[in-house]
């Protein structure tokens, strides 16, 4: 079975990952630093922005894919996935533009990400209860 809705969100997050990776590589080349970071705040923020996406996006996508495979309505998958993707984009934008400090994009992005993961968890639990309960 295919997961077309989740697949689109995975593609968008994959593109974001490549963009954030390139942003990190820019600093690695500038400072000739293969591993770790320097004292440059922008370099540190670039690395944490990339890492934060890697920490949150996979679980959200896995949960969405399982829910979609289990037959959860595609509209629910769509809106949950949109919250995840928009949250991750806003978080990255807020991290980079806020230089790691408080920024509305970062905060809103994190809240949307948490809500998307929570919604996916509820969808999965509801689906299991509905099908097997």
N, C-alpha and C. Protein backbone atom coordinates (compact mmCIF):
# COMPACT_ATOMS: atom_id res chain seq x y z
N UNK A 1 0.85 -1.18 0.00
CA UNK A 1 0.00 0.00 0.00
C UNK A 1 0.90 1.25 0.00
N UNK A 2 0.44 2.31 -0.62
CA UNK A 2 1.21 3.54 -0.70
C UNK A 2 0.68 4.55 0.32
N UNK A 3 1.52 5.53 0.62
CA UNK A 3 1.12 6.61 1.52
C UNK A 3 1.34 7.94 0.79
N UNK A 4 0.42 8.30 -0.10
CA UNK A 4 0.64 9.48 -0.94
C UNK A 4 0.65 10.80 -0.17
N UNK A 5 -0.18 10.95 0.82
CA UNK A 5 -0.23 12.22 1.55
C UNK A 5 1.05 12.39 2.37
N UNK A 6 1.40 11.39 3.14
CA UNK A 6 2.62 11.45 3.94
C UNK A 6 3.85 11.58 3.04
N UNK A 7 3.80 10.95 1.89
CA UNK A 7 4.93 11.04 0.95
C UNK A 7 5.24 12.47 0.53
N UNK A 8 4.22 13.26 0.32
CA UNK A 8 4.43 14.67 -0.05
C UNK A 8 5.11 15.42 1.10
N UNK A 9 4.65 15.18 2.32
CA UNK A 9 5.26 15.86 3.46
C UNK A 9 6.70 15.40 3.67
N UNK A 10 6.96 14.12 3.45
CA UNK A 10 8.33 13.61 3.56
C UNK A 10 9.23 14.28 2.53
N UNK A 11 8.72 14.48 1.32
CA UNK A 11 9.51 15.13 0.27
C UNK A 11 9.85 16.57 0.65
N UNK A 12 8.86 17.30 1.15
CA UNK A 12 9.09 18.70 1.52
C UNK A 12 10.10 18.77 2.67
N UNK A 13 9.96 17.91 3.66
CA UNK A 13 10.90 17.91 4.78
C UNK A 13 12.29 17.45 4.33
N UNK A 14 12.35 16.57 3.35
CA UNK A 14 13.64 16.17 2.78
C UNK A 14 14.35 17.35 2.12
N UNK A 15 13.60 18.15 1.39
CA UNK A 15 14.18 19.35 0.76
C UNK A 15 14.66 20.32 1.84
N UNK A 16 13.87 20.50 2.89
CA UNK A 16 14.28 21.37 3.99
C UNK A 16 15.57 20.85 4.63
N UNK A 17 15.67 19.54 4.79
CA UNK A 17 16.87 18.96 5.38
C UNK A 17 18.10 19.25 4.52
N UNK A 18 17.97 19.13 3.21
CA UNK A 18 19.09 19.42 2.32
C UNK A 18 19.49 20.90 2.42
N UNK A 19 18.50 21.78 2.47
CA UNK A 19 18.80 23.22 2.59
C UNK A 19 19.51 23.53 3.90
N UNK A 20 19.03 22.95 4.99
CA UNK A 20 19.67 23.19 6.29
C UNK A 20 21.06 22.55 6.34
N UNK A 21 21.23 21.42 5.68
CA UNK A 21 22.54 20.78 5.61
C UNK A 21 23.52 21.67 4.86
N UNK A 22 23.08 22.24 3.75
CA UNK A 22 23.94 23.14 2.97
C UNK A 22 24.33 24.36 3.80
N UNK A 23 23.41 24.83 4.61
CA UNK A 23 23.69 25.97 5.49
C UNK A 23 24.80 25.62 6.49
N UNK A 24 24.78 24.42 7.02
CA UNK A 24 25.83 23.95 7.94
C UNK A 24 27.15 23.81 7.18
N UNK A 25 27.10 23.21 6.01
CA UNK A 25 28.32 23.00 5.21
C UNK A 25 28.99 24.33 4.89
N UNK A 26 28.21 25.36 4.66
CA UNK A 26 28.77 26.69 4.38
C UNK A 26 29.71 27.11 5.52
N UNK A 27 29.28 26.89 6.75
CA UNK A 27 30.11 27.24 7.90
C UNK A 27 31.28 26.27 8.06
N UNK A 28 31.08 24.99 7.77
CA UNK A 28 32.16 24.02 7.89
C UNK A 28 33.28 24.37 6.92
N UNK A 29 32.93 24.79 5.72
CA UNK A 29 33.93 25.21 4.74
C UNK A 29 34.61 26.51 5.16
N UNK A 30 33.81 27.45 5.62
CA UNK A 30 34.35 28.75 6.03
C UNK A 30 35.39 28.59 7.14
N UNK A 31 35.12 27.75 8.11
CA UNK A 31 36.01 27.58 9.27
C UNK A 31 36.89 26.34 9.18
N UNK A 32 36.78 25.61 8.04
CA UNK A 32 37.56 24.38 7.86
C UNK A 32 37.41 23.46 9.07
N UNK A 33 36.16 23.23 9.44
CA UNK A 33 35.81 22.46 10.63
C UNK A 33 34.96 21.27 10.20
N UNK A 34 35.59 20.07 10.20
CA UNK A 34 34.86 18.88 9.76
C UNK A 34 33.86 18.37 10.78
N UNK A 35 34.12 18.58 12.03
CA UNK A 35 33.23 18.11 13.10
C UNK A 35 33.24 19.15 14.21
N UNK A 36 32.14 19.22 14.94
CA UNK A 36 32.04 20.23 15.99
C UNK A 36 31.75 21.59 15.41
N UNK A 37 31.83 22.59 16.26
CA UNK A 37 31.56 23.97 15.84
C UNK A 37 32.62 24.90 16.42
N UNK A 38 32.58 26.13 15.96
CA UNK A 38 33.47 27.16 16.50
C UNK A 38 32.67 28.01 17.48
N UNK A 39 33.23 29.12 17.87
CA UNK A 39 32.52 30.05 18.75
C UNK A 39 31.52 30.93 17.99
N UNK A 40 31.52 30.83 16.67
CA UNK A 40 30.60 31.61 15.84
C UNK A 40 29.16 31.22 16.14
N UNK A 41 28.39 32.16 16.64
CA UNK A 41 27.01 31.90 17.05
C UNK A 41 26.15 31.42 15.87
N UNK A 42 26.35 32.01 14.69
CA UNK A 42 25.57 31.61 13.53
C UNK A 42 25.86 30.15 13.13
N UNK A 43 27.10 29.74 13.28
CA UNK A 43 27.49 28.35 13.00
C UNK A 43 26.79 27.42 14.00
N UNK A 44 26.80 27.78 15.26
CA UNK A 44 26.14 26.97 16.29
C UNK A 44 24.64 26.86 16.02
N UNK A 45 24.04 27.97 15.64
CA UNK A 45 22.61 27.98 15.35
C UNK A 45 22.30 27.12 14.13
N UNK A 46 23.14 27.19 13.11
CA UNK A 46 22.93 26.38 11.90
C UNK A 46 22.94 24.89 12.24
N UNK A 47 23.90 24.49 13.06
CA UNK A 47 24.01 23.08 13.45
C UNK A 47 22.80 22.65 14.27
N UNK A 48 22.38 23.47 15.23
CA UNK A 48 21.22 23.10 16.07
C UNK A 48 19.92 23.13 15.26
N UNK A 49 19.80 24.02 14.31
CA UNK A 49 18.60 24.08 13.48
C UNK A 49 18.47 22.79 12.67
N UNK A 50 19.57 22.38 12.07
CA UNK A 50 19.60 21.13 11.31
C UNK A 50 19.29 19.95 12.23
N UNK A 51 19.94 19.90 13.38
CA UNK A 51 19.75 18.78 14.32
C UNK A 51 18.31 18.73 14.82
N UNK A 52 17.72 19.88 15.06
CA UNK A 52 16.35 19.91 15.57
C UNK A 52 15.38 19.30 14.56
N UNK A 53 15.60 19.58 13.28
CA UNK A 53 14.75 18.97 12.25
C UNK A 53 14.92 17.45 12.28
N UNK A 54 16.16 17.00 12.39
CA UNK A 54 16.44 15.56 12.40
C UNK A 54 15.85 14.90 13.65
N UNK A 55 15.74 15.63 14.73
CA UNK A 55 15.20 15.08 15.98
C UNK A 55 13.67 14.94 15.94
N UNK A 56 12.99 15.83 15.26
CA UNK A 56 11.53 15.84 15.30
C UNK A 56 10.84 15.28 14.05
N UNK A 57 11.34 15.59 12.87
CA UNK A 57 10.64 15.22 11.64
C UNK A 57 10.47 13.72 11.45
N UNK A 58 11.48 12.89 11.70
CA UNK A 58 11.28 11.46 11.43
C UNK A 58 10.13 10.84 12.22
N UNK A 59 10.05 11.11 13.51
CA UNK A 59 8.97 10.52 14.30
C UNK A 59 7.61 10.99 13.79
N UNK A 60 7.49 12.28 13.50
CA UNK A 60 6.23 12.81 12.98
C UNK A 60 5.85 12.12 11.68
N UNK A 61 6.81 11.94 10.77
CA UNK A 61 6.52 11.29 9.49
C UNK A 61 6.18 9.82 9.66
N UNK A 62 6.89 9.14 10.55
CA UNK A 62 6.60 7.72 10.79
C UNK A 62 5.18 7.57 11.33
N UNK A 63 4.82 8.41 12.28
CA UNK A 63 3.48 8.34 12.86
C UNK A 63 2.41 8.63 11.80
N UNK A 64 2.65 9.63 10.95
CA UNK A 64 1.69 9.94 9.89
C UNK A 64 1.55 8.78 8.92
N UNK A 65 2.68 8.19 8.54
CA UNK A 65 2.64 7.09 7.58
C UNK A 65 1.89 5.89 8.16
N UNK A 66 2.13 5.57 9.42
CA UNK A 66 1.41 4.46 10.05
C UNK A 66 -0.08 4.76 10.09
N UNK A 67 -0.42 5.98 10.47
CA UNK A 67 -1.84 6.35 10.51
C UNK A 67 -2.47 6.26 9.12
N UNK A 68 -1.76 6.74 8.13
CA UNK A 68 -2.30 6.69 6.76
C UNK A 68 -2.43 5.24 6.29
N UNK A 69 -1.44 4.42 6.58
CA UNK A 69 -1.51 3.00 6.21
C UNK A 69 -2.64 2.27 6.93
N UNK A 70 -2.94 2.71 8.15
CA UNK A 70 -4.01 2.09 8.93
C UNK A 70 -5.40 2.61 8.56
N UNK A 71 -5.47 3.50 7.60
CA UNK A 71 -6.76 3.93 7.10
C UNK A 71 -7.34 5.18 7.74
N UNK A 72 -6.53 5.93 8.50
CA UNK A 72 -7.03 7.19 9.04
C UNK A 72 -7.37 8.11 7.86
N UNK A 73 -8.43 8.84 7.98
CA UNK A 73 -8.90 9.71 6.90
C UNK A 73 -7.79 10.61 6.38
N UNK A 74 -7.69 10.69 5.06
CA UNK A 74 -6.61 11.46 4.45
C UNK A 74 -6.67 12.94 4.83
N UNK A 75 -7.86 13.46 5.08
CA UNK A 75 -7.97 14.87 5.50
C UNK A 75 -7.30 15.10 6.84
N UNK A 76 -7.45 14.15 7.76
CA UNK A 76 -6.79 14.27 9.06
C UNK A 76 -5.27 14.16 8.92
N UNK A 77 -4.84 13.26 8.04
CA UNK A 77 -3.40 13.11 7.76
C UNK A 77 -2.87 14.41 7.15
N UNK A 78 -3.64 14.95 6.21
CA UNK A 78 -3.22 16.19 5.53
C UNK A 78 -3.01 17.34 6.52
N UNK A 79 -3.99 17.60 7.36
CA UNK A 79 -3.88 18.74 8.27
C UNK A 79 -2.82 18.52 9.34
N UNK A 80 -2.67 17.31 9.78
CA UNK A 80 -1.62 17.01 10.75
C UNK A 80 -0.24 17.17 10.10
N UNK A 81 -0.13 16.67 8.89
CA UNK A 81 1.13 16.81 8.16
C UNK A 81 1.45 18.26 7.84
N UNK A 82 0.43 19.03 7.50
CA UNK A 82 0.66 20.46 7.23
C UNK A 82 1.18 21.16 8.48
N UNK A 83 0.61 20.84 9.63
CA UNK A 83 1.09 21.44 10.88
C UNK A 83 2.55 21.06 11.12
N UNK A 84 2.89 19.80 10.86
CA UNK A 84 4.27 19.35 11.05
C UNK A 84 5.23 20.10 10.12
N UNK A 85 4.89 20.15 8.85
CA UNK A 85 5.77 20.80 7.87
C UNK A 85 5.88 22.30 8.11
N UNK A 86 4.75 22.96 8.30
CA UNK A 86 4.78 24.41 8.55
C UNK A 86 5.52 24.68 9.85
N UNK A 87 5.30 23.84 10.85
CA UNK A 87 6.01 24.00 12.12
C UNK A 87 7.50 23.89 11.96
N UNK A 88 7.96 22.92 11.19
CA UNK A 88 9.40 22.72 10.99
C UNK A 88 9.99 23.87 10.18
N UNK A 89 9.26 24.36 9.18
CA UNK A 89 9.77 25.49 8.38
C UNK A 89 9.83 26.74 9.24
N UNK A 90 8.78 27.03 10.00
CA UNK A 90 8.77 28.21 10.87
C UNK A 90 9.88 28.12 11.92
N UNK A 91 10.07 26.95 12.49
CA UNK A 91 11.11 26.78 13.50
C UNK A 91 12.48 27.07 12.91
N UNK A 92 12.77 26.50 11.74
CA UNK A 92 14.07 26.74 11.10
C UNK A 92 14.25 28.22 10.77
N UNK A 93 13.22 28.83 10.22
CA UNK A 93 13.30 30.25 9.87
C UNK A 93 13.52 31.10 11.12
N UNK A 94 12.80 30.78 12.18
CA UNK A 94 12.94 31.54 13.43
C UNK A 94 14.29 31.33 14.09
N UNK A 95 14.82 30.12 14.03
CA UNK A 95 16.14 29.85 14.60
C UNK A 95 17.21 30.66 13.87
N UNK A 96 17.18 30.60 12.54
CA UNK A 96 18.22 31.26 11.75
C UNK A 96 18.09 32.78 11.85
N UNK A 97 16.88 33.29 11.73
CA UNK A 97 16.71 34.74 11.78
C UNK A 97 16.79 35.32 13.18
N UNK A 98 16.50 34.51 14.17
CA UNK A 98 16.62 34.96 15.56
C UNK A 98 17.99 34.66 16.15
N UNK A 99 18.85 34.03 15.33
CA UNK A 99 20.20 33.66 15.75
C UNK A 99 20.18 32.84 17.04
N UNK A 100 19.19 31.97 17.15
CA UNK A 100 19.09 31.08 18.30
C UNK A 100 18.41 31.69 19.52
N UNK A 101 18.07 32.95 19.45
CA UNK A 101 17.39 33.62 20.56
C UNK A 101 15.88 33.51 20.36
N UNK A 102 15.13 34.03 21.32
CA UNK A 102 13.67 34.01 21.22
C UNK A 102 13.23 34.66 19.92
N UNK A 103 12.34 33.99 19.22
CA UNK A 103 11.82 34.49 17.95
C UNK A 103 10.43 33.89 17.76
N UNK A 104 9.49 34.70 17.29
CA UNK A 104 8.11 34.22 17.13
C UNK A 104 8.01 33.02 16.20
N UNK A 105 8.80 33.01 15.13
CA UNK A 105 8.77 31.88 14.20
C UNK A 105 9.23 30.60 14.86
N UNK A 106 10.27 30.72 15.66
CA UNK A 106 10.80 29.55 16.37
C UNK A 106 9.76 29.00 17.35
N UNK A 107 9.16 29.88 18.12
CA UNK A 107 8.18 29.46 19.13
C UNK A 107 6.94 28.86 18.46
N UNK A 108 6.40 29.53 17.46
CA UNK A 108 5.22 29.03 16.77
C UNK A 108 5.53 27.70 16.07
N UNK A 109 6.70 27.62 15.49
CA UNK A 109 7.12 26.39 14.83
C UNK A 109 7.19 25.22 15.79
N UNK A 110 7.71 25.47 16.97
CA UNK A 110 7.80 24.39 17.95
C UNK A 110 6.42 23.96 18.42
N UNK A 111 5.55 24.93 18.67
CA UNK A 111 4.19 24.60 19.11
C UNK A 111 3.46 23.79 18.03
N UNK A 112 3.57 24.22 16.77
CA UNK A 112 2.91 23.48 15.69
C UNK A 112 3.47 22.05 15.57
N UNK A 113 4.78 21.92 15.73
CA UNK A 113 5.40 20.60 15.67
C UNK A 113 4.87 19.71 16.79
N UNK A 114 4.86 20.24 18.00
CA UNK A 114 4.35 19.46 19.14
C UNK A 114 2.89 19.08 18.94
N UNK A 115 2.09 20.03 18.46
CA UNK A 115 0.67 19.73 18.22
C UNK A 115 0.50 18.67 17.14
N UNK A 116 1.32 18.73 16.10
CA UNK A 116 1.24 17.73 15.03
C UNK A 116 1.60 16.35 15.56
N UNK A 117 2.65 16.26 16.36
CA UNK A 117 3.05 14.96 16.91
C UNK A 117 1.99 14.45 17.88
N UNK A 118 1.45 15.34 18.69
CA UNK A 118 0.38 14.95 19.60
C UNK A 118 -0.87 14.51 18.82
N UNK A 119 -1.22 15.24 17.79
CA UNK A 119 -2.37 14.87 16.96
C UNK A 119 -2.15 13.52 16.29
N UNK A 120 -0.95 13.29 15.77
CA UNK A 120 -0.66 12.00 15.15
C UNK A 120 -0.77 10.87 16.17
N UNK A 121 -0.30 11.11 17.40
CA UNK A 121 -0.40 10.10 18.45
C UNK A 121 -1.86 9.80 18.76
N UNK A 122 -2.67 10.84 18.85
CA UNK A 122 -4.10 10.65 19.13
C UNK A 122 -4.76 9.91 17.98
N UNK A 123 -4.43 10.27 16.74
CA UNK A 123 -5.00 9.57 15.58
C UNK A 123 -4.64 8.09 15.61
N UNK A 124 -3.39 7.79 15.95
CA UNK A 124 -2.97 6.38 16.01
C UNK A 124 -3.71 5.63 17.11
N UNK A 125 -3.79 6.24 18.28
CA UNK A 125 -4.48 5.58 19.39
C UNK A 125 -5.97 5.42 19.09
N UNK A 126 -6.58 6.47 18.54
CA UNK A 126 -8.00 6.40 18.18
C UNK A 126 -8.22 5.29 17.16
N UNK A 127 -7.34 5.21 16.17
CA UNK A 127 -7.47 4.20 15.13
C UNK A 127 -7.38 2.79 15.71
N UNK A 128 -6.43 2.56 16.60
CA UNK A 128 -6.28 1.25 17.21
C UNK A 128 -7.53 0.92 18.05
N UNK A 129 -7.98 1.88 18.83
CA UNK A 129 -9.17 1.66 19.67
C UNK A 129 -10.40 1.38 18.80
N UNK A 130 -10.52 2.18 17.73
CA UNK A 130 -11.69 2.05 16.84
C UNK A 130 -11.67 0.70 16.10
N UNK A 131 -10.53 0.26 15.64
CA UNK A 131 -10.44 -0.97 14.87
C UNK A 131 -10.43 -2.21 15.76
N UNK A 132 -9.68 -2.15 16.85
CA UNK A 132 -9.49 -3.35 17.68
C UNK A 132 -10.23 -3.31 19.01
N UNK A 133 -10.78 -2.14 19.37
CA UNK A 133 -11.42 -2.00 20.67
C UNK A 133 -12.80 -2.43 20.67
